[in-house]
Amino acid sequence: MKKLLIAALMLFGITTVSLAQTAAPAKAKTTKAKTTTTTTAAGPTKKDGTPDMRYKANKDAGKKAAGPTKKDGTPDMRYKSNNKDAGKKATPAKKAA
């Protein structure tokens, strides 16, 4: 009887260890930080405040660049017409004589 009990416990132990090694690892949840955007939509907005792009009024609003654009449609910031701070130059501090 002792031998049967010991054999059953060993079989149970080996089975448990082998199943523990083949189990899929737990997936870690990644949370994205919500970003707040201050956009004024011409049309309806979603619950989070971003423009709902299913509407034509939101697709046309503010998507045109003043100057050249890149292949993906975003403004090319190498040009003055697209850069907001292009005309503003920082004035150096004057030395006191």
Protein backbone atom coordinates (compact mmCIF):
# COMPACT_ATOMS: atom_id res chain seq x y z
CA MET A 1 0.00 0.00 0.00
CA LYS A 2 2.87 2.36 0.82
CA LYS A 3 4.46 1.77 -2.57
CA LEU A 4 1.18 2.54 -4.36
CA LEU A 5 0.73 5.80 -2.42
CA ILE A 6 4.33 6.87 -3.07
CA ALA A 7 4.00 6.07 -6.79
CA ALA A 8 0.76 8.07 -7.03
CA LEU A 9 2.32 11.08 -5.28
CA MET A 10 5.36 10.95 -7.56
CA LEU A 11 3.15 10.74 -10.65
CA PHE A 12 1.09 13.69 -9.41
CA GLY A 13 4.25 15.72 -8.68
CA ILE A 14 5.82 15.06 -12.07
CA THR A 15 2.57 15.90 -13.86
CA THR A 16 2.17 19.13 -11.94
CA VAL A 17 5.73 20.25 -12.68
CA SER A 18 5.48 19.46 -16.38
CA LEU A 19 2.18 21.34 -16.73
CA ALA A 20 3.58 24.36 -14.92
CA GLN A 21 6.42 24.62 -17.42
CA THR A 22 4.22 24.53 -20.52
CA ALA A 23 1.69 27.10 -19.32
CA ALA A 24 1.58 30.36 -21.26
CA PRO A 25 3.17 33.32 -19.48
CA ALA A 26 0.83 35.91 -18.07
CA LYS A 27 0.33 38.90 -20.32
CA ALA A 28 1.26 42.23 -18.80
CA LYS A 29 -1.27 44.97 -19.29
CA THR A 30 0.08 48.10 -20.87
CA THR A 31 -1.73 51.28 -20.11
CA LYS A 32 -1.45 54.24 -22.40
CA ALA A 33 -1.41 57.66 -20.89
CA LYS A 34 -4.28 59.76 -22.09
CA THR A 35 -3.14 62.83 -23.90
CA THR A 36 -5.16 65.96 -23.80
CA THR A 37 -5.49 67.81 -27.03
CA THR A 38 -6.91 71.25 -27.46
CA THR A 39 -8.40 71.02 -30.90
CA THR A 40 -11.40 72.93 -32.06
CA ALA A 41 -13.43 70.66 -34.25
CA ALA A 42 -15.65 72.12 -36.93
CA GLY A 43 -18.01 69.18 -36.58
CA PRO A 44 -18.99 66.57 -33.99
CA THR A 45 -16.48 65.24 -31.49
CA LYS A 46 -15.96 61.88 -29.81
CA LYS A 47 -16.37 61.30 -26.07
CA ASP A 48 -12.71 62.03 -25.44
CA GLY A 49 -12.95 65.40 -27.17
CA THR A 50 -11.08 64.57 -30.36
CA PRO A 51 -12.72 65.35 -33.69
CA ASP A 52 -14.80 62.52 -35.16
CA MET A 53 -13.15 61.90 -38.53
CA ARG A 54 -16.22 60.18 -39.99
CA TYR A 55 -17.66 63.61 -40.75
CA LYS A 56 -16.56 65.73 -43.71
CA ALA A 57 -16.43 68.93 -41.66
CA ASN A 58 -13.71 67.43 -39.46
CA LYS A 59 -11.74 65.95 -42.36
CA ASP A 60 -11.41 69.30 -44.10
CA ALA A 61 -10.72 71.44 -41.01
CA GLY A 62 -7.09 72.44 -40.53
CA LYS A 63 -5.44 69.71 -42.57
CA LYS A 64 -3.92 71.99 -45.22
CA ALA A 65 -0.32 73.09 -44.71
CA ALA A 66 0.80 76.59 -45.62
CA GLY A 67 3.80 75.26 -47.54
CA PRO A 68 5.27 72.02 -48.86
CA THR A 69 4.28 68.70 -47.31
CA LYS A 70 6.00 65.35 -46.84
CA LYS A 71 4.86 62.14 -48.54
CA ASP A 72 2.60 61.27 -45.60
CA GLY A 73 0.80 64.61 -45.84
CA THR A 74 2.24 66.29 -42.76
CA PRO A 75 3.80 69.74 -43.12
CA ASP A 76 7.51 69.76 -43.88
CA MET A 77 9.00 71.76 -41.01
CA ARG A 78 12.19 72.58 -42.91
CA TYR A 79 10.36 75.40 -44.69
CA LYS A 80 9.59 78.80 -43.16
CA SER A 81 5.98 78.80 -44.29
CA ASN A 82 5.25 75.70 -42.18
CA ASN A 83 7.29 76.66 -39.14
CA LYS A 84 5.51 78.93 -36.64
CA ASP A 85 8.73 80.21 -35.05
CA ALA A 86 10.63 80.71 -38.32
CA GLY A 87 10.51 84.51 -38.34
CA LYS A 88 11.26 84.93 -34.66
CA LYS A 89 14.91 85.08 -33.73
CA ALA A 90 16.15 85.16 -30.18
CA THR A 91 17.92 88.45 -29.48
CA PRO A 92 21.24 88.03 -27.71
CA ALA A 93 21.63 89.66 -24.32
CA LYS A 94 23.43 93.01 -24.51
CA LYS A 95 26.61 93.38 -22.54
CA ALA A 96 26.76 96.22 -20.07
CA ALA A 97 29.73 98.47 -20.77
